[in-house]
Amino acid sequence: GEFLNLNDCELECQNVSSLSENLIDVNIFPNPSSNIFNLEFSSDFETEILVINILGEQVYFKSTKSNGEFNTKIDLSNYSKGIYNLIIKTSNNISNHKLIFQ
């Protein structure tokens, strides 16, 4: 590899920035749901909300700039029942959650 040992690798990589996961406090209800998921979180950044199905296809997208509390509804009633991945992205955080549509 590129480094002679683990210590060399750790020294080189300790100043690399990375995204933090699941630092956004998100309230999703009801979950599981039979059609609509309510989503609440607080953010002072531009935020992207994505829902991805099991095939990796994006079925929902919303971009918002909120100051403080943000509330929205995600309606999956036109899609197949199953597990979906909810991704909430800001400029410095990514939060991943499972939506169970039954």
Protein backbone atom coordinates (compact mmCIF):
# COMPACT_ATOMS: atom_id res chain seq x y z
CA GLY A 1 0.00 0.00 0.00
CA GLU A 2 0.84 3.64 0.15
CA PHE A 3 1.90 3.59 3.83
CA LEU A 4 4.50 1.42 5.56
CA ASN A 5 2.37 0.90 8.67
CA LEU A 6 -0.88 1.90 10.36
CA ASN A 7 0.73 4.73 12.37
CA ASP A 8 1.98 6.43 9.16
CA CYS A 9 -1.51 6.16 7.68
CA GLU A 10 -3.18 7.59 10.80
CA LEU A 11 -0.72 10.51 10.95
CA GLU A 12 -1.34 11.37 7.30
CA CYS A 13 -5.12 11.10 7.55
CA GLN A 14 -5.83 12.78 10.90
CA ASN A 15 -6.32 16.21 9.28
CA VAL A 16 -8.70 14.96 6.61
CA SER A 17 -12.18 16.39 7.06
CA SER A 18 -15.18 14.12 6.85
CA LEU A 19 -18.93 14.35 7.03
CA SER A 20 -20.56 13.47 10.32
CA GLU A 21 -23.51 11.13 10.19
CA ASN A 22 -26.76 11.26 12.15
CA LEU A 23 -26.04 14.55 13.94
CA ILE A 24 -29.35 16.03 12.81
CA ASP A 25 -32.04 15.33 15.40
CA VAL A 26 -34.95 14.10 13.27
CA ASN A 27 -38.44 13.14 14.40
CA ILE A 28 -40.25 10.83 11.94
CA PHE A 29 -43.82 9.78 12.65
CA PRO A 30 -45.61 7.53 12.15
CA ASN A 31 -42.94 5.02 11.20
CA PRO A 32 -44.04 2.53 9.99
CA SER A 33 -46.73 4.29 7.98
CA SER A 34 -49.36 3.31 5.44
CA ASN A 35 -48.89 6.45 3.29
CA ILE A 36 -47.64 9.72 4.83
CA PHE A 37 -44.56 10.28 7.00
CA ASN A 38 -44.30 13.47 9.04
CA LEU A 39 -40.79 14.83 9.31
CA GLU A 40 -39.55 17.38 11.86
CA PHE A 41 -36.03 18.66 12.44
CA SER A 42 -34.12 21.82 13.20
CA SER A 43 -31.57 23.26 10.78
CA ASP A 44 -30.02 26.62 10.00
CA PHE A 45 -28.55 25.41 6.72
CA GLU A 46 -29.75 24.66 3.24
CA THR A 47 -31.05 21.13 3.55
CA GLU A 48 -31.78 18.43 0.98
CA ILE A 49 -34.29 15.70 1.80
CA LEU A 50 -34.16 12.57 -0.34
CA VAL A 51 -36.03 9.28 -0.23
CA ILE A 52 -34.43 6.36 -2.07
CA ASN A 53 -36.14 3.03 -2.80
CA ILE A 54 -34.50 -0.39 -2.49
CA LEU A 55 -33.36 -0.21 -6.15
CA GLY A 56 -31.46 3.03 -5.47
CA GLU A 57 -34.00 5.19 -7.30
CA GLN A 58 -34.87 8.60 -5.90
CA VAL A 59 -38.63 8.78 -5.24
CA TYR A 60 -38.71 12.07 -3.29
CA PHE A 61 -36.57 15.19 -3.23
CA LYS A 62 -36.97 18.53 -1.49
CA SER A 63 -34.45 21.31 -0.99
CA THR A 64 -35.14 23.89 1.68
CA LYS A 65 -33.44 26.72 3.54
CA SER A 66 -34.89 26.87 7.00
CA ASN A 67 -34.01 28.87 10.07
CA GLY A 68 -34.79 26.64 13.01
CA GLU A 69 -37.67 24.19 13.05
CA PHE A 70 -38.71 22.56 9.77
CA ASN A 71 -41.79 20.36 9.22
CA THR A 72 -42.89 18.52 6.09
CA LYS A 73 -44.90 15.51 4.97
CA ILE A 74 -43.56 12.80 2.70
CA ASP A 75 -46.31 10.98 0.81
CA LEU A 76 -45.29 7.56 -0.51
CA SER A 77 -48.82 6.37 -1.33
CA ASN A 78 -48.01 6.17 -5.07
CA TYR A 79 -45.09 3.79 -4.45
CA SER A 80 -44.70 0.13 -3.52
CA LYS A 81 -44.75 -0.96 0.08
CA GLY A 82 -41.30 -1.63 1.51
CA ILE A 83 -38.32 -0.07 3.21
CA TYR A 84 -37.03 3.27 1.95
CA ASN A 85 -33.89 5.19 2.87
CA LEU A 86 -34.42 8.78 4.05
CA ILE A 87 -31.33 10.96 3.62
CA ILE A 88 -31.13 14.47 5.06
CA LYS A 89 -28.08 16.44 3.89
CA THR A 90 -26.77 19.81 5.01
CA SER A 91 -23.46 21.42 4.09
CA ASN A 92 -21.74 19.62 6.96
CA ASN A 93 -23.98 16.69 8.01
CA ILE A 94 -25.69 13.65 6.56
CA SER A 95 -28.42 11.86 8.45
CA ASN A 96 -29.74 8.45 7.28
CA HIS A 97 -33.00 6.88 8.42
CA LYS A 98 -35.22 4.00 7.38
CA LEU A 99 -38.85 4.62 6.39
CA ILE A 100 -41.07 1.56 6.64
CA PHE A 101 -44.01 1.85 4.25
CA GLN A 102 -46.62 -0.84 4.88
